[in-house]
Amino acid sequence: MGEHAATGRQNTTFRLAQKDSHVPVAQQHPEDFDAFVRRDLPAGRLGTVEEISDVVTFLLSDRASRVNGTDLAVDGAQGRPSARGY
């Protein structure tokens, strides 16, 4: 992934949580889903559009010049094994 570093181009990807996939579960079992969010997500809530856009804005800025060759998970820790209940 870092083969373009010498050219000044960054090669960083980011993965978002699958928040839309939670909608049917949240609607069908709201109490269970709320308990899952409180129990398994460190912030105790889903992320917001603003939080995602802050990450994208940072990655596009000069301040992210040292971020290269990585896959950044922007999922509030939803991708960790213990949070895969839904």
PDB file of N, CA and C in Angstrom:
ATOM      1  N   MET A   1       0.802  -1.206   0.000  1.00  0.00           N
ATOM      2  CA  MET A   1       0.000   0.000   0.000  1.00  0.00           C
ATOM      3  C   MET A   1       0.842   1.266   0.000  1.00  0.00           C
ATOM      4  N   GLY A   2       2.037   1.220   0.535  1.00  0.00           N
ATOM      5  CA  GLY A   2       2.837   2.422   0.647  1.00  0.00           C
ATOM      6  C   GLY A   2       3.696   2.715  -0.570  1.00  0.00           C
ATOM      7  N   GLU A   3       3.458   2.021  -1.687  1.00  0.00           N
ATOM      8  CA  GLU A   3       4.312   2.202  -2.855  1.00  0.00           C
ATOM      9  C   GLU A   3       4.228   3.589  -3.466  1.00  0.00           C
ATOM     10  N   HIS A   4       3.191   4.371  -3.129  1.00  0.00           N
ATOM     11  CA  HIS A   4       3.038   5.712  -3.682  1.00  0.00           C
ATOM     12  C   HIS A   4       3.539   6.805  -2.732  1.00  0.00           C
ATOM     13  N   ALA A   5       4.082   6.428  -1.605  1.00  0.00           N
ATOM     14  CA  ALA A   5       4.513   7.411  -0.602  1.00  0.00           C
ATOM     15  C   ALA A   5       5.525   8.401  -1.165  1.00  0.00           C
ATOM     16  N   ALA A   6       6.457   7.930  -1.972  1.00  0.00           N
ATOM     17  CA  ALA A   6       7.487   8.818  -2.520  1.00  0.00           C
ATOM     18  C   ALA A   6       6.913   9.849  -3.485  1.00  0.00           C
ATOM     19  N   THR A   7       5.738   9.589  -4.030  1.00  0.00           N
ATOM     20  CA  THR A   7       5.103  10.526  -4.965  1.00  0.00           C
ATOM     21  C   THR A   7       4.280  11.570  -4.243  1.00  0.00           C
ATOM     22  N   GLY A   8       4.102  11.408  -2.932  1.00  0.00           N
ATOM     23  CA  GLY A   8       3.285  12.350  -2.174  1.00  0.00           C
ATOM     24  C   GLY A   8       1.813  11.988  -2.139  1.00  0.00           C
ATOM     25  N   ARG A   9       1.457  10.895  -2.803  1.00  0.00           N
ATOM     26  CA  ARG A   9       0.056  10.463  -2.780  1.00  0.00           C
ATOM     27  C   ARG A   9      -0.178   9.552  -1.587  1.00  0.00           C
ATOM     28  N   GLN A  10      -1.309   9.733  -0.967  1.00  0.00           N
ATOM     29  CA  GLN A  10      -1.664   8.886   0.160  1.00  0.00           C
ATOM     30  C   GLN A  10      -2.540   7.746  -0.320  1.00  0.00           C
ATOM     31  N   ASN A  11      -2.399   6.613   0.338  1.00  0.00           N
ATOM     32  CA  ASN A  11      -3.187   5.446   0.016  1.00  0.00           C
ATOM     33  C   ASN A  11      -3.785   4.923   1.315  1.00  0.00           C
ATOM     34  N   THR A  12      -4.877   5.515   1.714  1.00  0.00           N
ATOM     35  CA  THR A  12      -5.536   5.139   2.956  1.00  0.00           C
ATOM     36  C   THR A  12      -7.002   4.869   2.659  1.00  0.00           C
ATOM     37  N   THR A  13      -7.509   3.803   3.204  1.00  0.00           N
ATOM     38  CA  THR A  13      -8.931   3.499   3.051  1.00  0.00           C
ATOM     39  C   THR A  13      -9.584   3.555   4.422  1.00  0.00           C
ATOM     40  N   PHE A  14     -10.886   3.704   4.418  1.00  0.00           N
ATOM     41  CA  PHE A  14     -11.593   3.623   5.686  1.00  0.00           C
ATOM     42  C   PHE A  14     -12.861   2.825   5.497  1.00  0.00           C
ATOM     43  N   ARG A  15     -13.226   2.099   6.557  1.00  0.00           N
ATOM     44  CA  ARG A  15     -14.412   1.257   6.552  1.00  0.00           C
ATOM     45  C   ARG A  15     -15.419   1.845   7.530  1.00  0.00           C
ATOM     46  N   LEU A  16     -16.640   1.902   7.093  1.00  0.00           N
ATOM     47  CA  LEU A  16     -17.709   2.410   7.951  1.00  0.00           C
ATOM     48  C   LEU A  16     -18.490   1.259   8.553  1.00  0.00           C
ATOM     49  N   ALA A  17     -19.139   1.531   9.664  1.00  0.00           N
ATOM     50  CA  ALA A  17     -20.049   0.550  10.239  1.00  0.00           C
ATOM     51  C   ALA A  17     -21.235   0.389   9.298  1.00  0.00           C
ATOM     52  N   GLN A  18     -21.817  -0.783   9.321  1.00  0.00           N
ATOM     53  CA  GLN A  18     -22.983  -1.060   8.488  1.00  0.00           C
ATOM     54  C   GLN A  18     -24.243  -0.598   9.209  1.00  0.00           C
ATOM     55  N   LYS A  19     -24.386   0.702   9.392  1.00  0.00           N
ATOM     56  CA  LYS A  19     -25.481   1.176  10.228  1.00  0.00           C
ATOM     57  C   LYS A  19     -26.849   0.902   9.621  1.00  0.00           C
ATOM     58  N   ASP A  20     -26.973   0.920   8.283  1.00  0.00           N
ATOM     59  CA  ASP A  20     -28.273   0.652   7.669  1.00  0.00           C
ATOM     60  C   ASP A  20     -28.736  -0.772   7.907  1.00  0.00           C
ATOM     61  N   SER A  21     -27.786  -1.693   8.071  1.00  0.00           N
ATOM     62  CA  SER A  21     -28.181  -3.079   8.304  1.00  0.00           C
ATOM     63  C   SER A  21     -28.788  -3.263   9.684  1.00  0.00           C
ATOM     64  N   HIS A  22     -28.573  -2.318  10.580  1.00  0.00           N
ATOM     65  CA  HIS A  22     -29.131  -2.418  11.924  1.00  0.00           C
ATOM     66  C   HIS A  22     -30.589  -1.977  11.984  1.00  0.00           C
ATOM     67  N   VAL A  23     -31.065  -1.252  10.995  1.00  0.00           N
ATOM     68  CA  VAL A  23     -32.409  -0.684  11.056  1.00  0.00           C
ATOM     69  C   VAL A  23     -33.486  -1.748  11.220  1.00  0.00           C
ATOM     70  N   PRO A  24     -33.524  -2.823  10.409  1.00  0.00           N
ATOM     71  CA  PRO A  24     -34.578  -3.820  10.603  1.00  0.00           C
ATOM     72  C   PRO A  24     -34.543  -4.455  11.988  1.00  0.00           C
ATOM     73  N   VAL A  25     -33.353  -4.759  12.487  1.00  0.00           N
ATOM     74  CA  VAL A  25     -33.239  -5.364  13.813  1.00  0.00           C
ATOM     75  C   VAL A  25     -33.708  -4.381  14.876  1.00  0.00           C
ATOM     76  N   ALA A  26     -33.286  -3.134  14.753  1.00  0.00           N
ATOM     77  CA  ALA A  26     -33.683  -2.120  15.734  1.00  0.00           C
ATOM     78  C   ALA A  26     -35.188  -1.926  15.741  1.00  0.00           C
ATOM     79  N   GLN A  27     -35.832  -2.019  14.588  1.00  0.00           N
ATOM     80  CA  GLN A  27     -37.284  -1.842  14.518  1.00  0.00           C
ATOM     81  C   GLN A  27     -38.023  -3.070  15.041  1.00  0.00           C
ATOM     82  N   GLN A  28     -37.506  -4.250  14.745  1.00  0.00           N
ATOM     83  CA  GLN A  28     -38.188  -5.476  15.152  1.00  0.00           C
ATOM     84  C   GLN A  28     -37.961  -5.812  16.630  1.00  0.00           C
ATOM     85  N   HIS A  29     -36.801  -5.487  17.142  1.00  0.00           N
ATOM     86  CA  HIS A  29     -36.443  -5.827  18.529  1.00  0.00           C
ATOM     87  C   HIS A  29     -35.769  -4.634  19.199  1.00  0.00           C
ATOM     88  N   PRO A  30     -36.498  -3.538  19.395  1.00  0.00           N
ATOM     89  CA  PRO A  30     -35.851  -2.322  19.917  1.00  0.00           C
ATOM     90  C   PRO A  30     -35.169  -2.495  21.273  1.00  0.00           C
ATOM     91  N   GLU A  31     -35.766  -3.261  22.169  1.00  0.00           N
ATOM     92  CA  GLU A  31     -35.154  -3.429  23.489  1.00  0.00           C
ATOM     93  C   GLU A  31     -33.847  -4.211  23.387  1.00  0.00           C
ATOM     94  N   ASP A  32     -33.845  -5.278  22.579  1.00  0.00           N
ATOM     95  CA  ASP A  32     -32.635  -6.071  22.410  1.00  0.00           C
ATOM     96  C   ASP A  32     -31.534  -5.253  21.745  1.00  0.00           C
ATOM     97  N   PHE A  33     -31.913  -4.470  20.735  1.00  0.00           N
ATOM     98  CA  PHE A  33     -30.918  -3.673  20.034  1.00  0.00           C
ATOM     99  C   PHE A  33     -30.344  -2.596  20.949  1.00  0.00           C
ATOM    100  N   ASP A  34     -31.194  -1.942  21.720  1.00  0.00           N
ATOM    101  CA  ASP A  34     -30.705  -0.928  22.666  1.00  0.00           C
ATOM    102  C   ASP A  34     -29.747  -1.546  23.677  1.00  0.00           C
ATOM    103  N   ALA A  35     -30.079  -2.749  24.158  1.00  0.00           N
ATOM    104  CA  ALA A  35     -29.195  -3.431  25.112  1.00  0.00           C
ATOM    105  C   ALA A  35     -27.857  -3.770  24.454  1.00  0.00           C
ATOM    106  N   PHE A  36     -27.907  -4.230  23.193  1.00  0.00           N
ATOM    107  CA  PHE A  36     -26.673  -4.525  22.449  1.00  0.00           C
ATOM    108  C   PHE A  36     -25.799  -3.283  22.327  1.00  0.00           C
ATOM    109  N   VAL A  37     -26.393  -2.164  21.956  1.00  0.00           N
ATOM    110  CA  VAL A  37     -25.629  -0.924  21.785  1.00  0.00           C
ATOM    111  C   VAL A  37     -24.993  -0.506  23.107  1.00  0.00           C
ATOM    112  N   ARG A  38     -25.762  -0.514  24.179  1.00  0.00           N
ATOM    113  CA  ARG A  38     -25.231  -0.121  25.489  1.00  0.00           C
ATOM    114  C   ARG A  38     -24.146  -1.085  25.967  1.00  0.00           C
ATOM    115  N   ARG A  39     -24.333  -2.374  25.699  1.00  0.00           N
ATOM    116  CA  ARG A  39     -23.406  -3.397  26.185  1.00  0.00           C
ATOM    117  C   ARG A  39     -22.126  -3.483  25.353  1.00  0.00           C
ATOM    118  N   ASP A  40     -22.244  -3.430  24.015  1.00  0.00           N
ATOM    119  CA  ASP A  40     -21.116  -3.775  23.156  1.00  0.00           C
ATOM    120  C   ASP A  40     -20.427  -2.607  22.458  1.00  0.00           C
ATOM    121  N   LEU A  41     -20.993  -1.440  22.479  1.00  0.00           N
ATOM    122  CA  LEU A  41     -20.343  -0.295  21.839  1.00  0.00           C
ATOM    123  C   LEU A  41     -19.789   0.624  22.922  1.00  0.00           C
ATOM    124  N   PRO A  42     -18.496   0.879  22.900  1.00  0.00           N
ATOM    125  CA  PRO A  42     -17.870   1.667  23.967  1.00  0.00           C
ATOM    126  C   PRO A  42     -18.551   3.008  24.234  1.00  0.00           C
ATOM    127  N   ALA A  43     -19.025   3.685  23.199  1.00  0.00           N
ATOM    128  CA  ALA A  43     -19.683   4.980  23.407  1.00  0.00           C
ATOM    129  C   ALA A  43     -21.141   4.814  23.834  1.00  0.00           C
ATOM    130  N   GLY A  44     -21.665   3.594  23.751  1.00  0.00           N
ATOM    131  CA  GLY A  44     -23.047   3.349  24.140  1.00  0.00           C
ATOM    132  C   GLY A  44     -24.060   3.908  23.158  1.00  0.00           C
ATOM    133  N   ARG A  45     -23.619   4.167  21.924  1.00  0.00           N
ATOM    134  CA  ARG A  45     -24.505   4.715  20.895  1.00  0.00           C
ATOM    135  C   ARG A  45     -23.892   4.483  19.530  1.00  0.00           C
ATOM    136  N   LEU A  46     -24.703   4.633  18.489  1.00  0.00           N
ATOM    137  CA  LEU A  46     -24.193   4.570  17.119  1.00  0.00           C
ATOM    138  C   LEU A  46     -23.547   5.896  16.764  1.00  0.00           C
ATOM    139  N   GLY A  47     -22.702   5.883  15.756  1.00  0.00           N
ATOM    140  CA  GLY A  47     -22.047   7.104  15.306  1.00  0.00           C
ATOM    141  C   GLY A  47     -22.984   7.996  14.519  1.00  0.00           C
ATOM    142  N   THR A  48     -22.568   9.235  14.345  1.00  0.00           N
ATOM    143  CA  THR A  48     -23.365  10.206  13.597  1.00  0.00           C
ATOM    144  C   THR A  48     -22.706  10.510  12.251  1.00  0.00           C
ATOM    145  N   VAL A  49     -23.470  11.081  11.359  1.00  0.00           N
ATOM    146  CA  VAL A  49     -22.943  11.503  10.065  1.00  0.00           C
ATOM    147  C   VAL A  49     -21.825  12.513  10.263  1.00  0.00           C
ATOM    148  N   GLU A  50     -21.976  13.408  11.218  1.00  0.00           N
ATOM    149  CA  GLU A  50     -20.959  14.421  11.490  1.00  0.00           C
ATOM    150  C   GLU A  50     -19.642  13.790  11.918  1.00  0.00           C
ATOM    151  N   GLU A  51     -19.707  12.737  12.722  1.00  0.00           N
ATOM    152  CA  GLU A  51     -18.484  12.072  13.165  1.00  0.00           C
ATOM    153  C   GLU A  51     -17.757  11.418  11.985  1.00  0.00           C
ATOM    154  N   ILE A  52     -18.512  10.827  11.082  1.00  0.00           N
ATOM    155  CA  ILE A  52     -17.907  10.218   9.897  1.00  0.00           C
ATOM    156  C   ILE A  52     -17.291  11.300   9.016  1.00  0.00           C
ATOM    157  N   SER A  53     -18.016  12.393   8.818  1.00  0.00           N
ATOM    158  CA  SER A  53     -17.486  13.460   7.967  1.00  0.00           C
ATOM    159  C   SER A  53     -16.248  14.104   8.587  1.00  0.00           C
ATOM    160  N   ASP A  54     -16.155  14.135   9.909  1.00  0.00           N
ATOM    161  CA  ASP A  54     -14.943  14.654  10.562  1.00  0.00           C
ATOM    162  C   ASP A  54     -13.728  13.790  10.207  1.00  0.00           C
ATOM    163  N   VAL A  55     -13.908  12.484  10.173  1.00  0.00           N
ATOM    164  CA  VAL A  55     -12.803  11.585   9.820  1.00  0.00           C
ATOM    165  C   VAL A  55     -12.386  11.814   8.376  1.00  0.00           C
ATOM    166  N   VAL A  56     -13.355  11.896   7.472  1.00  0.00           N
ATOM    167  CA  VAL A  56     -13.048  12.125   6.061  1.00  0.00           C
ATOM    168  C   VAL A  56     -12.349  13.465   5.873  1.00  0.00           C
ATOM    169  N   THR A  57     -12.840  14.491   6.543  1.00  0.00           N
ATOM    170  CA  THR A  57     -12.222  15.817   6.447  1.00  0.00           C
ATOM    171  C   THR A  57     -10.776  15.768   6.928  1.00  0.00           C
ATOM    172  N   PHE A  58     -10.536  15.081   8.034  1.00  0.00           N
ATOM    173  CA  PHE A  58      -9.175  14.938   8.531  1.00  0.00           C
ATOM    174  C   PHE A  58      -8.290  14.224   7.516  1.00  0.00           C
ATOM    175  N   LEU A  59      -8.762  13.098   6.957  1.00  0.00           N
ATOM    176  CA  LEU A  59      -7.943  12.341   6.008  1.00  0.00           C
ATOM    177  C   LEU A  59      -7.621  13.141   4.752  1.00  0.00           C
ATOM    178  N   LEU A  60      -8.487  14.064   4.385  1.00  0.00           N
ATOM    179  CA  LEU A  60      -8.243  14.902   3.209  1.00  0.00           C
ATOM    180  C   LEU A  60      -7.385  16.129   3.509  1.00  0.00           C
ATOM    181  N   SER A  61      -7.117  16.367   4.772  1.00  0.00           N
ATOM    182  CA  SER A  61      -6.364  17.563   5.163  1.00  0.00           C
ATOM    183  C   SER A  61      -4.861  17.305   5.183  1.00  0.00           C
ATOM    184  N   ASP A  62      -4.108  18.385   5.233  1.00  0.00           N
ATOM    185  CA  ASP A  62      -2.656  18.286   5.359  1.00  0.00           C
ATOM    186  C   ASP A  62      -2.241  17.668   6.695  1.00  0.00           C
ATOM    187  N   ARG A  63      -3.101  17.761   7.682  1.00  0.00           N
ATOM    188  CA  ARG A  63      -2.788  17.203   8.999  1.00  0.00           C
ATOM    189  C   ARG A  63      -2.677  15.683   8.966  1.00  0.00           C
ATOM    190  N   ALA A  64      -3.213  15.042   7.940  1.00  0.00           N
ATOM    191  CA  ALA A  64      -3.150  13.579   7.827  1.00  0.00           C
ATOM    192  C   ALA A  64      -2.004  13.135   6.922  1.00  0.00           C
ATOM    193  N   SER A  65      -1.032  13.997   6.710  1.00  0.00           N
ATOM    194  CA  SER A  65       0.059  13.673   5.779  1.00  0.00           C
ATOM    195  C   SER A  65       0.866  12.449   6.200  1.00  0.00           C
ATOM    196  N   ARG A  66       0.852  12.096   7.465  1.00  0.00           N
ATOM    197  CA  ARG A  66       1.602  10.923   7.936  1.00  0.00           C
ATOM    198  C   ARG A  66       0.734   9.676   8.013  1.00  0.00           C
ATOM    199  N   VAL A  67      -0.517   9.781   7.644  1.00  0.00           N
ATOM    200  CA  VAL A  67      -1.413   8.621   7.621  1.00  0.00           C
ATOM    201  C   VAL A  67      -1.370   8.070   6.204  1.00  0.00           C
ATOM    202  N   ASN A  68      -0.795   6.891   6.061  1.00  0.00           N
ATOM    203  CA  ASN A  68      -0.631   6.328   4.731  1.00  0.00           C
ATOM    204  C   ASN A  68      -0.535   4.808   4.823  1.00  0.00           C
ATOM    205  N   GLY A  69      -1.132   4.135   3.861  1.00  0.00           N
ATOM    206  CA  GLY A  69      -1.015   2.686   3.789  1.00  0.00           C
ATOM    207  C   GLY A  69      -1.747   1.959   4.887  1.00  0.00           C
ATOM    208  N   THR A  70      -2.887   2.473   5.273  1.00  0.00           N
ATOM    209  CA  THR A  70      -3.642   1.829   6.339  1.00  0.00           C
ATOM    210  C   THR A  70      -5.110   1.753   5.973  1.00  0.00           C
ATOM    211  N   ASP A  71      -5.813   0.878   6.646  1.00  0.00           N
ATOM    212  CA  ASP A  71      -7.256   0.753   6.509  1.00  0.00           C
ATOM    213  C   ASP A  71      -7.850   1.159   7.850  1.00  0.00           C
ATOM    214  N   LEU A  72      -8.467   2.301   7.890  1.00  0.00           N
ATOM    215  CA  LEU A  72      -8.974   2.875   9.134  1.00  0.00           C
ATOM    216  C   LEU A  72     -10.430   2.461   9.350  1.00  0.00           C
ATOM    217  N   ALA A  73     -10.687   1.766  10.431  1.00  0.00           N
ATOM    218  CA  ALA A  73     -12.059   1.363  10.760  1.00  0.00           C
ATOM    219  C   ALA A  73     -12.750   2.515  11.475  1.00  0.00           C
ATOM    220  N   VAL A  74     -13.804   3.031  10.882  1.00  0.00           N
ATOM    221  CA  VAL A  74     -14.584   4.115  11.472  1.00  0.00           C
ATOM    222  C   VAL A  74     -15.930   3.500  11.845  1.00  0.00           C
ATOM    223  N   ASP A  75     -15.898   2.723  12.907  1.00  0.00           N
ATOM    224  CA  ASP A  75     -17.083   1.932  13.236  1.00  0.00           C
ATOM    225  C   ASP A  75     -17.425   1.911  14.718  1.00  0.00           C
ATOM    226  N   GLY A  76     -16.778   2.756  15.505  1.00  0.00           N
ATOM    227  CA  GLY A  76     -17.086   2.788  16.937  1.00  0.00           C
ATOM    228  C   GLY A  76     -16.842   1.462  17.625  1.00  0.00           C
ATOM    229  N   ALA A  77     -15.915   0.691  17.106  1.00  0.00           N
ATOM    230  CA  ALA A  77     -15.547  -0.639  17.611  1.00  0.00           C
ATOM    231  C   ALA A  77     -16.590  -1.694  17.282  1.00  0.00           C
ATOM    232  N   GLN A  78     -17.486  -1.432  16.348  1.00  0.00           N
ATOM    233  CA  GLN A  78     -18.476  -2.437  15.954  1.00  0.00           C
ATOM    234  C   GLN A  78     -17.832  -3.616  15.244  1.00  0.00           C
ATOM    235  N   GLY A  79     -16.640  -3.432  14.689  1.00  0.00           N
ATOM    236  CA  GLY A  79     -15.983  -4.499  13.954  1.00  0.00           C
ATOM    237  C   GLY A  79     -15.260  -5.508  14.819  1.00  0.00           C
ATOM    238  N   ARG A  80     -15.160  -5.243  16.095  1.00  0.00           N
ATOM    239  CA  ARG A  80     -14.444  -6.196  16.939  1.00  0.00           C
ATOM    240  C   ARG A  80     -15.320  -7.430  17.172  1.00  0.00           C
ATOM    241  N   PRO A  81     -14.706  -8.592  17.401  1.00  0.00           N
ATOM    242  CA  PRO A  81     -15.471  -9.844  17.482  1.00  0.00           C
ATOM    243  C   PRO A  81     -16.609  -9.833  18.487  1.00  0.00           C
ATOM    244  N   SER A  82     -16.441  -9.202  19.628  1.00  0.00           N
ATOM    245  CA  SER A  82     -17.488  -9.243  20.660  1.00  0.00           C
ATOM    246  C   SER A  82     -18.703  -8.394  20.295  1.00  0.00           C
ATOM    247  N   ALA A  83     -18.600  -7.566  19.258  1.00  0.00           N
ATOM    248  CA  ALA A  83     -19.705  -6.690  18.881  1.00  0.00           C
ATOM    249  C   ALA A  83     -20.446  -7.207  17.653  1.00  0.00           C
ATOM    250  N   ARG A  84     -20.290  -8.447  17.337  1.00  0.00           N
ATOM    251  CA  ARG A  84     -20.911  -8.982  16.118  1.00  0.00           C
ATOM    252  C   ARG A  84     -22.236  -9.674  16.395  1.00  0.00           C
ATOM    253  N   GLY A  85     -22.914  -9.266  17.441  1.00  0.00           N
ATOM    254  CA  GLY A  85     -24.198  -9.885  17.772  1.00  0.00           C
ATOM    255  C   GLY A  85     -25.299  -9.511  16.799  1.00  0.00           C
ATOM    256  N   TYR A  86     -25.102  -8.444  16.031  1.00  0.00           N
ATOM    257  CA  TYR A  86     -26.118  -8.018  15.058  1.00  0.00           C
ATOM    258  C   TYR A  86     -25.490  -7.777  13.727  1.00  0.00           C
TER     259      TYR A  86
END
